[in-house]
Amino acid sequence: MHELAITSSLVQLVSDAARGRRVRRISLEVGTLSGVMTEAVAFCFDVVAKETPLEGATLEIRMIEARARCLECGAEFATPTLYAPCSCGSLNFVRLQGEELNIKSMELEEAA
């Protein structure tokens, strides 16, 4: 379960960026083809965040649909799997989105 390691890294990155301030909310963007099980990240979050500036923070996860652009016909299309062909039948495409794992934002408490 690599989601535990991902969650630990997420908590460490946000803790470092918060510079000692409490974190209220974190927003993640996770691509549908990233291989990350968002339910597992959410499950691990409270345990990993315990006794850190993120303890009690809300974790919001936004799924990003996978999209690609066909290099044969130029169409942009959804790719529900890694090898979904364009409607023209081509598998010659460039992925535009759907593999990301980004910390989009974090909400911090006011500094004392």
PDB file of N, CA and C in Angstrom:
ATOM      1  N   MET A   1       0.841  -1.181   0.000  1.00  0.00           N
ATOM      2  CA  MET A   1       0.000   0.000   0.000  1.00  0.00           C
ATOM      3  C   MET A   1       0.886   1.244   0.000  1.00  0.00           C
ATOM      4  N   HIS A   2       1.164   1.766  -1.172  1.00  0.00           N
ATOM      5  CA  HIS A   2       2.029   2.937  -1.261  1.00  0.00           C
ATOM      6  C   HIS A   2       1.316   4.227  -0.871  1.00  0.00           C
ATOM      7  N   GLU A   3       0.001   4.177  -0.648  1.00  0.00           N
ATOM      8  CA  GLU A   3      -0.744   5.358  -0.240  1.00  0.00           C
ATOM      9  C   GLU A   3      -0.310   5.850   1.139  1.00  0.00           C
ATOM     10  N   LEU A   4       0.131   4.947   2.010  1.00  0.00           N
ATOM     11  CA  LEU A   4       0.638   5.365   3.319  1.00  0.00           C
ATOM     12  C   LEU A   4       1.884   6.227   3.135  1.00  0.00           C
ATOM     13  N   ALA A   5       2.785   5.819   2.253  1.00  0.00           N
ATOM     14  CA  ALA A   5       3.986   6.606   1.967  1.00  0.00           C
ATOM     15  C   ALA A   5       3.625   7.938   1.309  1.00  0.00           C
ATOM     16  N   ILE A   6       2.663   7.921   0.411  1.00  0.00           N
ATOM     17  CA  ILE A   6       2.217   9.161  -0.242  1.00  0.00           C
ATOM     18  C   ILE A   6       1.637  10.113   0.796  1.00  0.00           C
ATOM     19  N   THR A   7       0.809   9.587   1.688  1.00  0.00           N
ATOM     20  CA  THR A   7       0.200  10.419   2.718  1.00  0.00           C
ATOM     21  C   THR A   7       1.251  10.973   3.673  1.00  0.00           C
ATOM     22  N   SER A   8       2.218  10.161   4.038  1.00  0.00           N
ATOM     23  CA  SER A   8       3.305  10.628   4.907  1.00  0.00           C
ATOM     24  C   SER A   8       4.090  11.754   4.234  1.00  0.00           C
ATOM     25  N   SER A   9       4.386  11.598   2.951  1.00  0.00           N
ATOM     26  CA  SER A   9       5.095  12.647   2.213  1.00  0.00           C
ATOM     27  C   SER A   9       4.254  13.920   2.117  1.00  0.00           C
ATOM     28  N   LEU A  10       2.982  13.768   1.878  1.00  0.00           N
ATOM     29  CA  LEU A  10       2.067  14.905   1.812  1.00  0.00           C
ATOM     30  C   LEU A  10       2.086  15.673   3.130  1.00  0.00           C
ATOM     31  N   VAL A  11       1.947  14.960   4.241  1.00  0.00           N
ATOM     32  CA  VAL A  11       1.943  15.607   5.555  1.00  0.00           C
ATOM     33  C   VAL A  11       3.276  16.306   5.811  1.00  0.00           C
ATOM     34  N   GLN A  12       4.381  15.685   5.443  1.00  0.00           N
ATOM     35  CA  GLN A  12       5.696  16.296   5.646  1.00  0.00           C
ATOM     36  C   GLN A  12       5.866  17.558   4.800  1.00  0.00           C
ATOM     37  N   LEU A  13       5.477  17.500   3.532  1.00  0.00           N
ATOM     38  CA  LEU A  13       5.599  18.667   2.643  1.00  0.00           C
ATOM     39  C   LEU A  13       4.775  19.851   3.148  1.00  0.00           C
ATOM     40  N   VAL A  14       3.527  19.570   3.516  1.00  0.00           N
ATOM     41  CA  VAL A  14       2.650  20.647   3.980  1.00  0.00           C
ATOM     42  C   VAL A  14       3.126  21.182   5.330  1.00  0.00           C
ATOM     43  N   SER A  15       3.581  20.296   6.223  1.00  0.00           N
ATOM     44  CA  SER A  15       4.117  20.739   7.520  1.00  0.00           C
ATOM     45  C   SER A  15       5.300  21.673   7.327  1.00  0.00           C
ATOM     46  N   ASP A  16       6.198  21.304   6.426  1.00  0.00           N
ATOM     47  CA  ASP A  16       7.359  22.158   6.145  1.00  0.00           C
ATOM     48  C   ASP A  16       6.933  23.516   5.593  1.00  0.00           C
ATOM     49  N   ALA A  17       5.986  23.512   4.678  1.00  0.00           N
ATOM     50  CA  ALA A  17       5.531  24.756   4.061  1.00  0.00           C
ATOM     51  C   ALA A  17       4.759  25.631   5.049  1.00  0.00           C
ATOM     52  N   ALA A  18       4.097  25.015   6.024  1.00  0.00           N
ATOM     53  CA  ALA A  18       3.310  25.767   6.997  1.00  0.00           C
ATOM     54  C   ALA A  18       4.189  26.497   8.009  1.00  0.00           C
ATOM     55  N   ARG A  19       5.427  26.079   8.155  1.00  0.00           N
ATOM     56  CA  ARG A  19       6.395  26.736   9.055  1.00  0.00           C
ATOM     57  C   ARG A  19       5.842  26.929  10.468  1.00  0.00           C
ATOM     58  N   GLY A  20       5.295  25.838  11.013  1.00  0.00           N
ATOM     59  CA  GLY A  20       4.823  25.861  12.389  1.00  0.00           C
ATOM     60  C   GLY A  20       3.392  26.319  12.584  1.00  0.00           C
ATOM     61  N   ARG A  21       2.763  26.871  11.566  1.00  0.00           N
ATOM     62  CA  ARG A  21       1.368  27.300  11.691  1.00  0.00           C
ATOM     63  C   ARG A  21       0.446  26.091  11.533  1.00  0.00           C
ATOM     64  N   ARG A  22      -0.714  26.126  12.183  1.00  0.00           N
ATOM     65  CA  ARG A  22      -1.683  25.052  12.057  1.00  0.00           C
ATOM     66  C   ARG A  22      -2.310  25.082  10.673  1.00  0.00           C
ATOM     67  N   VAL A  23      -2.554  23.916  10.147  1.00  0.00           N
ATOM     68  CA  VAL A  23      -3.172  23.772   8.830  1.00  0.00           C
ATOM     69  C   VAL A  23      -4.636  23.413   9.032  1.00  0.00           C
ATOM     70  N   ARG A  24      -5.515  24.161   8.395  1.00  0.00           N
ATOM     71  CA  ARG A  24      -6.960  23.900   8.509  1.00  0.00           C
ATOM     72  C   ARG A  24      -7.467  22.991   7.397  1.00  0.00           C
ATOM     73  N   ARG A  25      -6.961  23.194   6.195  1.00  0.00           N
ATOM     74  CA  ARG A  25      -7.499  22.474   5.042  1.00  0.00           C
ATOM     75  C   ARG A  25      -6.397  22.260   4.014  1.00  0.00           C
ATOM     76  N   ILE A  26      -6.445  21.104   3.373  1.00  0.00           N
ATOM     77  CA  ILE A  26      -5.526  20.790   2.270  1.00  0.00           C
ATOM     78  C   ILE A  26      -6.375  20.329   1.098  1.00  0.00           C
ATOM     79  N   SER A  27      -6.053  20.825  -0.085  1.00  0.00           N
ATOM     80  CA  SER A  27      -6.738  20.395  -1.300  1.00  0.00           C
ATOM     81  C   SER A  27      -5.743  19.682  -2.205  1.00  0.00           C
ATOM     82  N   LEU A  28      -6.097  18.481  -2.604  1.00  0.00           N
ATOM     83  CA  LEU A  28      -5.273  17.687  -3.523  1.00  0.00           C
ATOM     84  C   LEU A  28      -5.984  17.530  -4.849  1.00  0.00           C
ATOM     85  N   GLU A  29      -5.202  17.419  -5.906  1.00  0.00           N
ATOM     86  CA  GLU A  29      -5.704  17.030  -7.220  1.00  0.00           C
ATOM     87  C   GLU A  29      -5.054  15.695  -7.556  1.00  0.00           C
ATOM     88  N   VAL A  30      -5.892  14.714  -7.864  1.00  0.00           N
ATOM     89  CA  VAL A  30      -5.399  13.371  -8.160  1.00  0.00           C
ATOM     90  C   VAL A  30      -5.972  12.935  -9.502  1.00  0.00           C
ATOM     91  N   GLY A  31      -5.094  12.607 -10.437  1.00  0.00           N
ATOM     92  CA  GLY A  31      -5.528  12.146 -11.746  1.00  0.00           C
ATOM     93  C   GLY A  31      -6.096  10.742 -11.678  1.00  0.00           C
ATOM     94  N   THR A  32      -7.102  10.488 -12.498  1.00  0.00           N
ATOM     95  CA  THR A  32      -7.749   9.177 -12.487  1.00  0.00           C
ATOM     96  C   THR A  32      -6.822   8.055 -12.940  1.00  0.00           C
ATOM     97  N   LEU A  33      -5.743   8.393 -13.634  1.00  0.00           N
ATOM     98  CA  LEU A  33      -4.783   7.381 -14.080  1.00  0.00           C
ATOM     99  C   LEU A  33      -3.481   7.421 -13.284  1.00  0.00           C
ATOM    100  N   SER A  34      -3.490   8.104 -12.138  1.00  0.00           N
ATOM    101  CA  SER A  34      -2.268   8.245 -11.337  1.00  0.00           C
ATOM    102  C   SER A  34      -1.899   6.968 -10.592  1.00  0.00           C
ATOM    103  N   GLY A  35      -2.861   6.083 -10.413  1.00  0.00           N
ATOM    104  CA  GLY A  35      -2.602   4.870  -9.651  1.00  0.00           C
ATOM    105  C   GLY A  35      -2.754   5.064  -8.156  1.00  0.00           C
ATOM    106  N   VAL A  36      -3.165   6.254  -7.731  1.00  0.00           N
ATOM    107  CA  VAL A  36      -3.337   6.547  -6.314  1.00  0.00           C
ATOM    108  C   VAL A  36      -4.774   6.214  -5.909  1.00  0.00           C
ATOM    109  N   MET A  37      -4.912   5.419  -4.859  1.00  0.00           N
ATOM    110  CA  MET A  37      -6.231   5.083  -4.315  1.00  0.00           C
ATOM    111  C   MET A  37      -6.606   6.170  -3.308  1.00  0.00           C
ATOM    112  N   THR A  38      -7.470   7.082  -3.739  1.00  0.00           N
ATOM    113  CA  THR A  38      -7.804   8.243  -2.910  1.00  0.00           C
ATOM    114  C   THR A  38      -8.476   7.846  -1.597  1.00  0.00           C
ATOM    115  N   GLU A  39      -9.239   6.772  -1.610  1.00  0.00           N
ATOM    116  CA  GLU A  39      -9.890   6.315  -0.381  1.00  0.00           C
ATOM    117  C   GLU A  39      -8.838   5.909   0.650  1.00  0.00           C
ATOM    118  N   ALA A  40      -7.757   5.300   0.201  1.00  0.00           N
ATOM    119  CA  ALA A  40      -6.687   4.885   1.104  1.00  0.00           C
ATOM    120  C   ALA A  40      -5.930   6.092   1.653  1.00  0.00           C
ATOM    121  N   VAL A  41      -5.698   7.100   0.822  1.00  0.00           N
ATOM    122  CA  VAL A  41      -5.046   8.328   1.288  1.00  0.00           C
ATOM    123  C   VAL A  41      -5.918   8.986   2.356  1.00  0.00           C
ATOM    124  N   ALA A  42      -7.210   9.099   2.095  1.00  0.00           N
ATOM    125  CA  ALA A  42      -8.124   9.704   3.059  1.00  0.00           C
ATOM    126  C   ALA A  42      -8.158   8.897   4.360  1.00  0.00           C
ATOM    127  N   PHE A  43      -8.126   7.583   4.240  1.00  0.00           N
ATOM    128  CA  PHE A  43      -8.148   6.710   5.410  1.00  0.00           C
ATOM    129  C   PHE A  43      -6.902   6.906   6.267  1.00  0.00           C
ATOM    130  N   CYS A  44      -5.746   7.033   5.637  1.00  0.00           N
ATOM    131  CA  CYS A  44      -4.460   7.178   6.346  1.00  0.00           C
ATOM    132  C   CYS A  44      -4.243   8.577   6.910  1.00  0.00           C
ATOM    133  N   PHE A  45      -4.900   9.566   6.342  1.00  0.00           N
ATOM    134  CA  PHE A  45      -4.571  10.957   6.630  1.00  0.00           C
ATOM    135  C   PHE A  45      -4.627  11.307   8.116  1.00  0.00           C
ATOM    136  N   ASP A  46      -5.721  11.005   8.797  1.00  0.00           N
ATOM    137  CA  ASP A  46      -5.856  11.390  10.205  1.00  0.00           C
ATOM    138  C   ASP A  46      -4.789  10.752  11.082  1.00  0.00           C
ATOM    139  N   VAL A  47      -4.446   9.507  10.793  1.00  0.00           N
ATOM    140  CA  VAL A  47      -3.428   8.808  11.585  1.00  0.00           C
ATOM    141  C   VAL A  47      -2.055   9.418  11.348  1.00  0.00           C
ATOM    142  N   VAL A  48      -1.714   9.670  10.096  1.00  0.00           N
ATOM    143  CA  VAL A  48      -0.402  10.233   9.756  1.00  0.00           C
ATOM    144  C   VAL A  48      -0.273  11.677  10.244  1.00  0.00           C
ATOM    145  N   ALA A  49      -1.375  12.422  10.234  1.00  0.00           N
ATOM    146  CA  ALA A  49      -1.355  13.838  10.620  1.00  0.00           C
ATOM    147  C   ALA A  49      -1.321  14.042  12.130  1.00  0.00           C
ATOM    148  N   LYS A  50      -1.585  13.008  12.891  1.00  0.00           N
ATOM    149  CA  LYS A  50      -1.614  13.132  14.356  1.00  0.00           C
ATOM    150  C   LYS A  50      -0.287  13.691  14.872  1.00  0.00           C
ATOM    151  N   GLU A  51      -0.389  14.662  15.779  1.00  0.00           N
ATOM    152  CA  GLU A  51       0.761  15.322  16.414  1.00  0.00           C
ATOM    153  C   GLU A  51       1.637  16.097  15.421  1.00  0.00           C
ATOM    154  N   THR A  52       1.014  16.579  14.336  1.00  0.00           N
ATOM    155  CA  THR A  52       1.685  17.453  13.372  1.00  0.00           C
ATOM    156  C   THR A  52       0.829  18.711  13.233  1.00  0.00           C
ATOM    157  N   PRO A  53       1.307  19.740  12.538  1.00  0.00           N
ATOM    158  CA  PRO A  53       0.478  20.930  12.309  1.00  0.00           C
ATOM    159  C   PRO A  53      -0.799  20.629  11.511  1.00  0.00           C
ATOM    160  N   LEU A  54      -0.904  19.438  10.933  1.00  0.00           N
ATOM    161  CA  LEU A  54      -2.081  19.078  10.143  1.00  0.00           C
ATOM    162  C   LEU A  54      -3.143  18.346  10.950  1.00  0.00           C
ATOM    163  N   GLU A  55      -2.868  18.068  12.207  1.00  0.00           N
ATOM    164  CA  GLU A  55      -3.849  17.339  13.011  1.00  0.00           C
ATOM    165  C   GLU A  55      -5.164  18.104  13.034  1.00  0.00           C
ATOM    166  N   GLY A  56      -6.245  17.440  12.691  1.00  0.00           N
ATOM    167  CA  GLY A  56      -7.569  18.052  12.641  1.00  0.00           C
ATOM    168  C   GLY A  56      -7.900  18.758  11.341  1.00  0.00           C
ATOM    169  N   ALA A  57      -6.957  18.818  10.420  1.00  0.00           N
ATOM    170  CA  ALA A  57      -7.200  19.486   9.130  1.00  0.00           C
ATOM    171  C   ALA A  57      -8.164  18.677   8.270  1.00  0.00           C
ATOM    172  N   THR A  58      -8.850  19.378   7.398  1.00  0.00           N
ATOM    173  CA  THR A  58      -9.740  18.747   6.432  1.00  0.00           C
ATOM    174  C   THR A  58      -8.952  18.441   5.163  1.00  0.00           C
ATOM    175  N   LEU A  59      -9.105  17.241   4.645  1.00  0.00           N
ATOM    176  CA  LEU A  59      -8.459  16.843   3.395  1.00  0.00           C
ATOM    177  C   LEU A  59      -9.511  16.793   2.299  1.00  0.00           C
ATOM    178  N   GLU A  60      -9.340  17.621   1.282  1.00  0.00           N
ATOM    179  CA  GLU A  60     -10.238  17.619   0.126  1.00  0.00           C
ATOM    180  C   GLU A  60      -9.489  17.036  -1.059  1.00  0.00           C
ATOM    181  N   ILE A  61     -10.118  16.084  -1.736  1.00  0.00           N
ATOM    182  CA  ILE A  61      -9.484  15.448  -2.885  1.00  0.00           C
ATOM    183  C   ILE A  61     -10.370  15.664  -4.102  1.00  0.00           C
ATOM    184  N   ARG A  62      -9.796  16.258  -5.132  1.00  0.00           N
ATOM    185  CA  ARG A  62     -10.503  16.504  -6.394  1.00  0.00           C
ATOM    186  C   ARG A  62      -9.903  15.588  -7.454  1.00  0.00           C
ATOM    187  N   MET A  63     -10.744  14.780  -8.060  1.00  0.00           N
ATOM    188  CA  MET A  63     -10.282  13.877  -9.113  1.00  0.00           C
ATOM    189  C   MET A  63     -10.200  14.636 -10.441  1.00  0.00           C
ATOM    190  N   ILE A  64      -9.121  14.397 -11.168  1.00  0.00           N
ATOM    191  CA  ILE A  64      -8.896  15.025 -12.472  1.00  0.00           C
ATOM    192  C   ILE A  64      -9.089  13.967 -13.554  1.00  0.00           C
ATOM    193  N   GLU A  65     -10.022  14.222 -14.455  1.00  0.00           N
ATOM    194  CA  GLU A  65     -10.299  13.298 -15.555  1.00  0.00           C
ATOM    195  C   GLU A  65      -9.092  13.219 -16.490  1.00  0.00           C
ATOM    196  N   ALA A  66      -8.788  12.028 -16.939  1.00  0.00           N
ATOM    197  CA  ALA A  66      -7.694  11.846 -17.893  1.00  0.00           C
ATOM    198  C   ALA A  66      -8.145  12.300 -19.281  1.00  0.00           C
ATOM    199  N   ARG A  67      -7.290  13.097 -19.931  1.00  0.00           N
ATOM    200  CA  ARG A  67      -7.574  13.594 -21.278  1.00  0.00           C
ATOM    201  C   ARG A  67      -6.304  13.511 -22.111  1.00  0.00           C
ATOM    202  N   ALA A  68      -6.496  13.380 -23.406  1.00  0.00           N
ATOM    203  CA  ALA A  68      -5.367  13.282 -24.332  1.00  0.00           C
ATOM    204  C   ALA A  68      -5.704  14.028 -25.618  1.00  0.00           C
ATOM    205  N   ARG A  69      -4.657  14.296 -26.412  1.00  0.00           N
ATOM    206  CA  ARG A  69      -4.836  14.895 -27.744  1.00  0.00           C
ATOM    207  C   ARG A  69      -4.264  13.931 -28.766  1.00  0.00           C
ATOM    208  N   CYS A  70      -5.067  13.588 -29.742  1.00  0.00           N
ATOM    209  CA  CYS A  70      -4.662  12.664 -30.797  1.00  0.00           C
ATOM    210  C   CYS A  70      -3.655  13.348 -31.721  1.00  0.00           C
ATOM    211  N   LEU A  71      -2.563  12.665 -32.002  1.00  0.00           N
ATOM    212  CA  LEU A  71      -1.539  13.220 -32.886  1.00  0.00           C
ATOM    213  C   LEU A  71      -1.847  12.941 -34.359  1.00  0.00           C
ATOM    214  N   GLU A  72      -2.901  12.164 -34.604  1.00  0.00           N
ATOM    215  CA  GLU A  72      -3.310  11.885 -35.989  1.00  0.00           C
ATOM    216  C   GLU A  72      -4.381  12.874 -36.464  1.00  0.00           C
ATOM    217  N   CYS A  73      -5.459  13.016 -35.684  1.00  0.00           N
ATOM    218  CA  CYS A  73      -6.568  13.870 -36.122  1.00  0.00           C
ATOM    219  C   CYS A  73      -6.677  15.176 -35.342  1.00  0.00           C
ATOM    220  N   GLY A  74      -5.931  15.301 -34.234  1.00  0.00           N
ATOM    221  CA  GLY A  74      -5.939  16.523 -33.442  1.00  0.00           C
ATOM    222  C   GLY A  74      -7.055  16.625 -32.420  1.00  0.00           C
ATOM    223  N   ALA A  75      -7.913  15.620 -32.339  1.00  0.00           N
ATOM    224  CA  ALA A  75      -9.026  15.666 -31.392  1.00  0.00           C
ATOM    225  C   ALA A  75      -8.531  15.544 -29.954  1.00  0.00           C
ATOM    226  N   GLU A  76      -9.207  16.222 -29.044  1.00  0.00           N
ATOM    227  CA  GLU A  76      -8.955  16.064 -27.620  1.00  0.00           C
ATOM    228  C   GLU A  76     -10.057  15.155 -27.084  1.00  0.00           C
ATOM    229  N   PHE A  77      -9.681  14.181 -26.265  1.00  0.00           N
ATOM    230  CA  PHE A  77     -10.669  13.197 -25.817  1.00  0.00           C
ATOM    231  C   PHE A  77     -10.350  12.658 -24.427  1.00  0.00           C
ATOM    232  N   ALA A  78     -11.392  12.148 -23.751  1.00  0.00           N
ATOM    233  CA  ALA A  78     -11.235  11.521 -22.443  1.00  0.00           C
ATOM    234  C   ALA A  78     -10.601  10.146 -22.629  1.00  0.00           C
ATOM    235  N   THR A  79      -9.725   9.795 -21.694  1.00  0.00           N
ATOM    236  CA  THR A  79      -9.073   8.482 -21.738  1.00  0.00           C
ATOM    237  C   THR A  79      -9.308   7.769 -20.403  1.00  0.00           C
ATOM    238  N   PRO A  80     -10.381   6.998 -20.316  1.00  0.00           N
ATOM    239  CA  PRO A  80     -10.694   6.337 -19.058  1.00  0.00           C
ATOM    240  C   PRO A  80      -9.692   5.252 -18.656  1.00  0.00           C
ATOM    241  N   THR A  81      -8.882   4.807 -19.606  1.00  0.00           N
ATOM    242  CA  THR A  81      -7.817   3.850 -19.327  1.00  0.00           C
ATOM    243  C   THR A  81      -6.535   4.357 -19.987  1.00  0.00           C
ATOM    244  N   LEU A  82      -5.415   3.739 -19.652  1.00  0.00           N
ATOM    245  CA  LEU A  82      -4.131   4.172 -20.214  1.00  0.00           C
ATOM    246  C   LEU A  82      -4.070   4.040 -21.731  1.00  0.00           C
ATOM    247  N   TYR A  83      -4.785   3.065 -22.276  1.00  0.00           N
ATOM    248  CA  TYR A  83      -4.674   2.788 -23.711  1.00  0.00           C
ATOM    249  C   TYR A  83      -5.992   2.943 -24.445  1.00  0.00           C
ATOM    250  N   ALA A  84      -6.824   3.853 -24.013  1.00  0.00           N
ATOM    251  CA  ALA A  84      -8.082   4.121 -24.710  1.00  0.00           C
ATOM    252  C   ALA A  84      -7.771   4.851 -26.014  1.00  0.00           C
ATOM    253  N   PRO A  85      -8.227   4.330 -27.148  1.00  0.00           N
ATOM    254  CA  PRO A  85      -7.933   4.985 -28.431  1.00  0.00           C
ATOM    255  C   PRO A  85      -8.812   6.211 -28.661  1.00  0.00           C
ATOM    256  N   CYS A  86      -8.350   7.057 -29.549  1.00  0.00           N
ATOM    257  CA  CYS A  86      -9.140   8.194 -30.027  1.00  0.00           C
ATOM    258  C   CYS A  86     -10.334   7.636 -30.806  1.00  0.00           C
ATOM    259  N   SER A  87     -11.340   8.451 -31.011  1.00  0.00           N
ATOM    260  CA  SER A  87     -12.504   8.006 -31.792  1.00  0.00           C
ATOM    261  C   SER A  87     -12.129   7.687 -33.242  1.00  0.00           C
ATOM    262  N   CYS A  88     -10.967   8.200 -33.712  1.00  0.00           N
ATOM    263  CA  CYS A  88     -10.504   7.875 -35.066  1.00  0.00           C
ATOM    264  C   CYS A  88      -9.791   6.519 -35.088  1.00  0.00           C
ATOM    265  N   GLY A  89      -9.592   5.919 -33.893  1.00  0.00           N
ATOM    266  CA  GLY A  89      -8.955   4.611 -33.799  1.00  0.00           C
ATOM    267  C   GLY A  89      -7.467   4.668 -33.472  1.00  0.00           C
ATOM    268  N   SER A  90      -6.888   5.840 -33.476  1.00  0.00           N
ATOM    269  CA  SER A  90      -5.453   5.981 -33.248  1.00  0.00           C
ATOM    270  C   SER A  90      -5.094   5.844 -31.768  1.00  0.00           C
ATOM    271  N   LEU A  91      -3.949   5.220 -31.545  1.00  0.00           N
ATOM    272  CA  LEU A  91      -3.360   5.169 -30.208  1.00  0.00           C
ATOM    273  C   LEU A  91      -2.159   6.110 -30.114  1.00  0.00           C
ATOM    274  N   ASN A  92      -1.979   6.933 -31.132  1.00  0.00           N
ATOM    275  CA  ASN A  92      -0.886   7.894 -31.176  1.00  0.00           C
ATOM    276  C   ASN A  92      -1.380   9.219 -30.593  1.00  0.00           C
ATOM    277  N   PHE A  93      -1.188   9.376 -29.285  1.00  0.00           N
ATOM    278  CA  PHE A  93      -1.679  10.579 -28.614  1.00  0.00           C
ATOM    279  C   PHE A  93      -0.715  11.024 -27.536  1.00  0.00           C
ATOM    280  N   VAL A  94      -0.921  12.259 -27.088  1.00  0.00           N
ATOM    281  CA  VAL A  94      -0.151  12.795 -25.973  1.00  0.00           C
ATOM    282  C   VAL A  94      -1.140  13.038 -24.824  1.00  0.00           C
ATOM    283  N   ARG A  95      -0.767  12.584 -23.656  1.00  0.00           N
ATOM    284  CA  ARG A  95      -1.634  12.757 -22.490  1.00  0.00           C
ATOM    285  C   ARG A  95      -1.563  14.215 -22.034  1.00  0.00           C
ATOM    286  N   LEU A  96      -2.713  14.821 -21.783  1.00  0.00           N
ATOM    287  CA  LEU A  96      -2.797  16.206 -21.345  1.00  0.00           C
ATOM    288  C   LEU A  96      -2.971  16.316 -19.832  1.00  0.00           C
ATOM    289  N   GLN A  97      -3.709  15.392 -19.256  1.00  0.00           N
ATOM    290  CA  GLN A  97      -3.944  15.394 -17.822  1.00  0.00           C
ATOM    291  C   GLN A  97      -4.458  14.030 -17.399  1.00  0.00           C
ATOM    292  N   GLY A  98      -4.399  13.798 -16.088  1.00  0.00           N
ATOM    293  CA  GLY A  98      -4.952  12.560 -15.558  1.00  0.00           C
ATOM    294  C   GLY A  98      -3.958  11.706 -14.806  1.00  0.00           C
ATOM    295  N   GLU A  99      -2.688  12.112 -14.807  1.00  0.00           N
ATOM    296  CA  GLU A  99      -1.670  11.348 -14.088  1.00  0.00           C
ATOM    297  C   GLU A  99      -1.088  12.143 -12.913  1.00  0.00           C
ATOM    298  N   GLU A 100      -1.683  13.294 -12.611  1.00  0.00           N
ATOM    299  CA  GLU A 100      -1.115  14.169 -11.611  1.00  0.00           C
ATOM    300  C   GLU A 100      -1.451  13.755 -10.177  1.00  0.00           C
ATOM    301  N   LEU A 101      -0.635  14.238  -9.285  1.00  0.00           N
ATOM    302  CA  LEU A 101      -0.863  14.181  -7.845  1.00  0.00           C
ATOM    303  C   LEU A 101      -0.293  15.479  -7.313  1.00  0.00           C
ATOM    304  N   ASN A 102      -1.158  16.482  -7.139  1.00  0.00           N
ATOM    305  CA  ASN A 102      -0.726  17.834  -6.778  1.00  0.00           C
ATOM    306  C   ASN A 102      -1.347  18.302  -5.480  1.00  0.00           C
ATOM    307  N   ILE A 103      -0.552  18.969  -4.675  1.00  0.00           N
ATOM    308  CA  ILE A 103      -1.103  19.723  -3.558  1.00  0.00           C
ATOM    309  C   ILE A 103      -1.548  21.040  -4.163  1.00  0.00           C
ATOM    310  N   LYS A 104      -2.823  21.214  -4.300  1.00  0.00           N
ATOM    311  CA  LYS A 104      -3.368  22.399  -4.972  1.00  0.00           C
ATOM    312  C   LYS A 104      -3.349  23.621  -4.057  1.00  0.00           C
ATOM    313  N   SER A 105      -3.749  23.415  -2.788  1.00  0.00           N
ATOM    314  CA  SER A 105      -3.759  24.544  -1.864  1.00  0.00           C
ATOM    315  C   SER A 105      -3.762  24.035  -0.428  1.00  0.00           C
ATOM    316  N   MET A 106      -3.445  24.966   0.484  1.00  0.00           N
ATOM    317  CA  MET A 106      -3.565  24.681   1.910  1.00  0.00           C
ATOM    318  C   MET A 106      -4.031  25.952   2.593  1.00  0.00           C
ATOM    319  N   GLU A 107      -4.880  25.785   3.581  1.00  0.00           N
ATOM    320  CA  GLU A 107      -5.408  26.902   4.344  1.00  0.00           C
ATOM    321  C   GLU A 107      -4.765  26.854   5.728  1.00  0.00           C
ATOM    322  N   LEU A 108      -4.137  27.951   6.113  1.00  0.00           N
ATOM    323  CA  LEU A 108      -3.425  28.019   7.391  1.00  0.00           C
ATOM    324  C   LEU A 108      -4.135  28.931   8.368  1.00  0.00           C
ATOM    325  N   GLU A 109      -3.936  28.690   9.665  1.00  0.00           N
ATOM    326  CA  GLU A 109      -4.441  29.605  10.679  1.00  0.00           C
ATOM    327  C   GLU A 109      -3.552  30.840  10.694  1.00  0.00           C
ATOM    328  N   GLU A 110      -4.101  31.933  11.183  1.00  0.00           N
ATOM    329  CA  GLU A 110      -3.332  33.169  11.318  1.00  0.00           C
ATOM    330  C   GLU A 110      -2.167  32.939  12.247  1.00  0.00           C
ATOM    331  N   ALA A 111      -1.044  33.581  11.957  1.00  0.00           N
ATOM    332  CA  ALA A 111       0.121  33.493  12.835  1.00  0.00           C
ATOM    333  C   ALA A 111      -0.179  34.205  14.154  1.00  0.00           C
ATOM    334  N   ALA A 112       0.317  33.635  15.241  1.00  0.00           N
ATOM    335  CA  ALA A 112       0.060  34.235  16.570  1.00  0.00           C
ATOM    336  C   ALA A 112       0.861  35.492  16.764  1.00  0.00           C
TER     337      ALA A 112
END
